[in-house]
Amino acid sequence: MKHIFFPISLALSFLSFAQQPLPPIGEWREQLPCNKAIDICHGEGKIFCATPYSLFTVGLSDNIIERKSKMSGLSETGISAINYNSGSEKLFIAYTNSNIDILYRNDIYNIPDIKIDNIIGDKTIYAVYNYGEDFYLSSGLGVIVIDGSRYEVKDSWFIGNGGNQVKVNG
């Protein structure tokens, strides 16, 4: 019995290594945790899920999982909110440091305007909504409107008394 068990277990161990090939020498492989979901949305036959470190998609028809991270083109880590616009097929990604990415097909457009602006206050983006081509951000400053077709800040609304900043959670 021992003589049969050893060759079979040896063969099975080689098969398990064949399923996860090692990256070539000089290349990196990411090992990011995906057990804490920050936000989730759907569109284009996929489910999009944001984690603190990356974004992954699950295809509804084929169950294929794709990952996007800083290593594969995203601008930052620390995603705070995502939103998918089914009309324009664009995925909006907001980060905790107020940087913004828009994923359109396989291209990633970065909008760092809020992040690099010298305005004083809480620039954190708490939630994202869309209407037409525009994305509406609820933030610590108020409401910020992003033009999804021109990839720029279109407007900002300080909705507190006398035009002061007020935190908008969602």
Protein backbone atom coordinates (compact mmCIF):
# COMPACT_ATOMS: atom_id res chain seq x y z
CA MET A 1 0.00 0.00 0.00
CA LYS A 2 2.86 2.40 0.82
CA HIS A 3 4.40 1.74 -2.58
CA ILE A 4 1.22 2.88 -4.36
CA PHE A 5 0.41 5.88 -2.14
CA PHE A 6 3.82 7.60 -2.48
CA PRO A 7 3.93 7.81 -6.33
CA ILE A 8 0.31 8.98 -6.48
CA SER A 9 0.86 11.74 -3.90
CA LEU A 10 4.06 12.79 -5.69
CA ALA A 11 2.21 13.06 -9.02
CA LEU A 12 -0.62 15.07 -7.43
CA SER A 13 1.83 17.52 -5.89
CA PHE A 14 3.35 18.23 -9.32
CA LEU A 15 -0.12 18.83 -10.75
CA SER A 16 -0.93 21.38 -8.05
CA PHE A 17 2.20 23.40 -8.90
CA ALA A 18 1.27 23.40 -12.59
CA GLN A 19 -1.93 25.30 -11.85
CA GLN A 20 -0.11 28.35 -10.46
CA PRO A 21 2.88 29.11 -12.67
CA LEU A 22 5.63 31.23 -11.19
CA PRO A 23 6.32 34.57 -12.87
CA PRO A 24 9.45 34.81 -15.02
CA ILE A 25 12.67 35.96 -13.38
CA GLY A 26 12.71 39.75 -12.96
CA GLU A 27 8.89 40.09 -12.94
CA TRP A 28 6.57 40.64 -10.00
CA ARG A 29 3.37 38.95 -8.96
CA GLU A 30 0.95 40.72 -6.67
CA GLN A 31 -0.42 39.07 -3.54
CA LEU A 32 -3.11 41.54 -2.50
CA PRO A 33 -5.88 40.66 -0.03
CA CYS A 34 -9.41 40.71 -1.45
CA ASN A 35 -11.36 39.83 1.68
CA LYS A 36 -12.61 43.32 2.60
CA ALA A 37 -14.98 44.92 0.09
CA ILE A 38 -15.25 48.72 0.22
CA ASP A 39 -17.81 49.19 -2.56
CA ILE A 40 -19.52 47.13 -5.23
CA CYS A 41 -21.38 47.93 -8.46
CA HIS A 42 -22.40 46.18 -11.68
CA GLY A 43 -22.48 46.85 -15.39
CA GLU A 44 -21.23 45.61 -18.76
CA GLY A 45 -21.99 42.01 -17.71
CA LYS A 46 -19.56 42.27 -14.80
CA ILE A 47 -19.58 42.83 -11.06
CA PHE A 48 -16.99 45.40 -9.92
CA CYS A 49 -15.65 45.15 -6.37
CA ALA A 50 -13.30 47.64 -4.71
CA THR A 51 -10.99 46.63 -1.88
CA PRO A 52 -8.59 48.92 0.00
CA TYR A 53 -5.73 47.75 -2.23
CA SER A 54 -7.21 46.90 -5.62
CA LEU A 55 -10.24 46.47 -7.81
CA PHE A 56 -11.46 43.20 -9.22
CA THR A 57 -14.20 42.21 -11.62
CA VAL A 58 -16.16 39.00 -11.99
CA GLY A 59 -17.69 38.19 -15.37
CA LEU A 60 -21.33 37.16 -14.98
CA SER A 61 -21.37 34.85 -18.00
CA ASP A 62 -17.96 33.19 -17.72
CA ASN A 63 -17.00 33.75 -14.02
CA ILE A 64 -13.57 35.07 -15.03
CA ILE A 65 -11.91 37.21 -12.36
CA GLU A 66 -9.77 40.16 -13.47
CA ARG A 67 -7.71 42.30 -11.09
CA LYS A 68 -6.62 45.91 -11.37
CA SER A 69 -4.15 47.44 -8.95
CA LYS A 70 -1.46 50.08 -8.81
CA MET A 71 0.85 47.54 -10.37
CA SER A 72 -1.46 47.13 -13.38
CA GLY A 73 -2.21 50.80 -14.02
CA LEU A 74 -4.36 52.31 -11.27
CA SER A 75 -3.00 55.56 -9.86
CA GLU A 76 -3.23 54.76 -6.16
CA THR A 77 -4.18 52.28 -3.48
CA GLY A 78 -6.86 53.06 -0.92
CA ILE A 79 -10.06 53.07 -2.95
CA SER A 80 -12.93 54.83 -1.16
CA ALA A 81 -15.80 54.52 -3.69
CA ILE A 82 -16.62 53.25 -7.18
CA ASN A 83 -19.52 53.84 -9.58
CA TYR A 84 -20.29 52.43 -13.02
CA ASN A 85 -22.04 54.56 -15.65
CA SER A 86 -23.79 52.10 -17.96
CA GLY A 87 -24.57 54.79 -20.56
CA SER A 88 -20.93 55.70 -21.16
CA GLU A 89 -19.46 52.35 -19.99
CA LYS A 90 -17.08 54.14 -17.60
CA LEU A 91 -16.05 53.03 -14.13
CA PHE A 92 -15.32 55.86 -11.71
CA ILE A 93 -12.75 55.10 -9.00
CA ALA A 94 -12.28 57.49 -6.06
CA TYR A 95 -9.38 57.15 -3.62
CA THR A 96 -9.09 58.10 0.05
CA ASN A 97 -6.53 60.81 -0.79
CA SER A 98 -9.09 62.41 -3.22
CA ASN A 99 -7.36 61.24 -6.39
CA ILE A 100 -9.67 60.00 -9.17
CA ASP A 101 -9.38 57.41 -11.95
CA ILE A 102 -11.90 56.74 -14.71
CA LEU A 103 -11.61 53.32 -16.34
CA TYR A 104 -12.96 53.29 -19.90
CA ARG A 105 -12.54 49.98 -21.70
CA ASN A 106 -8.85 49.24 -21.09
CA ASP A 107 -7.71 52.86 -20.64
CA ILE A 108 -7.29 54.57 -17.27
CA TYR A 109 -7.70 58.36 -17.10
CA ASN A 110 -6.41 60.10 -13.97
CA ILE A 111 -7.97 63.31 -12.61
CA PRO A 112 -5.70 64.56 -9.78
CA ASP A 113 -7.28 68.05 -9.59
CA ILE A 114 -8.92 67.67 -6.18
CA LYS A 115 -5.86 65.95 -4.72
CA ILE A 116 -3.40 68.65 -5.82
CA ASP A 117 -5.69 71.63 -5.13
CA ASN A 118 -4.53 73.88 -2.27
CA ILE A 119 -8.00 74.14 -0.75
CA ILE A 120 -8.08 73.62 3.01
CA GLY A 121 -10.55 71.11 4.41
CA ASP A 122 -11.63 67.50 4.24
CA LYS A 123 -11.18 66.47 0.59
CA THR A 124 -12.20 62.84 1.20
CA ILE A 125 -14.65 61.42 -1.37
CA TYR A 126 -17.37 59.47 0.45
CA ALA A 127 -19.72 58.39 -2.37
CA VAL A 128 -20.09 58.67 -6.15
CA TYR A 129 -23.27 58.92 -8.23
CA ASN A 130 -23.78 59.46 -11.96
CA TYR A 131 -26.31 61.23 -14.11
CA GLY A 132 -25.78 61.40 -17.86
CA GLU A 133 -22.06 61.83 -18.51
CA ASP A 134 -21.42 63.53 -15.17
CA PHE A 135 -20.30 61.99 -11.88
CA TYR A 136 -21.40 63.61 -8.62
CA LEU A 137 -19.08 63.21 -5.65
CA SER A 138 -20.16 63.63 -2.06
CA SER A 139 -17.13 64.85 -0.18
CA GLY A 140 -15.96 66.68 2.90
CA LEU A 141 -16.00 69.90 0.89
CA GLY A 142 -19.55 69.56 -0.44
CA VAL A 143 -20.64 68.22 -3.83
CA ILE A 144 -18.13 68.05 -6.69
CA VAL A 145 -19.20 67.43 -10.30
CA ILE A 146 -16.83 65.61 -12.68
CA ASP A 147 -17.39 65.77 -16.44
CA GLY A 148 -17.02 62.14 -17.52
CA SER A 149 -16.53 62.95 -21.20
CA ARG A 150 -13.82 65.61 -20.75
CA TYR A 151 -12.22 64.04 -17.65
CA GLU A 152 -12.17 67.26 -15.64
CA VAL A 153 -13.79 68.94 -12.65
CA LYS A 154 -16.91 70.64 -13.98
CA ASP A 155 -18.28 72.32 -10.87
CA SER A 156 -18.16 72.32 -7.08
CA TRP A 157 -20.97 73.21 -4.73
CA PHE A 158 -20.23 74.42 -1.21
CA ILE A 159 -23.68 73.96 0.28
CA GLY A 160 -23.12 75.17 3.84
CA ASN A 161 -24.43 78.44 5.30
CA GLY A 162 -22.91 81.38 3.43
CA GLY A 163 -21.18 79.10 0.92
CA ASN A 164 -19.11 77.32 3.54
CA GLN A 165 -17.89 73.77 3.25
CA VAL A 166 -20.08 71.08 4.73
CA LYS A 167 -19.49 67.33 4.77
CA VAL A 168 -21.79 65.37 2.45
CA ASN A 169 -21.79 61.65 3.21
CA GLY A 170 -23.93 60.36 0.41
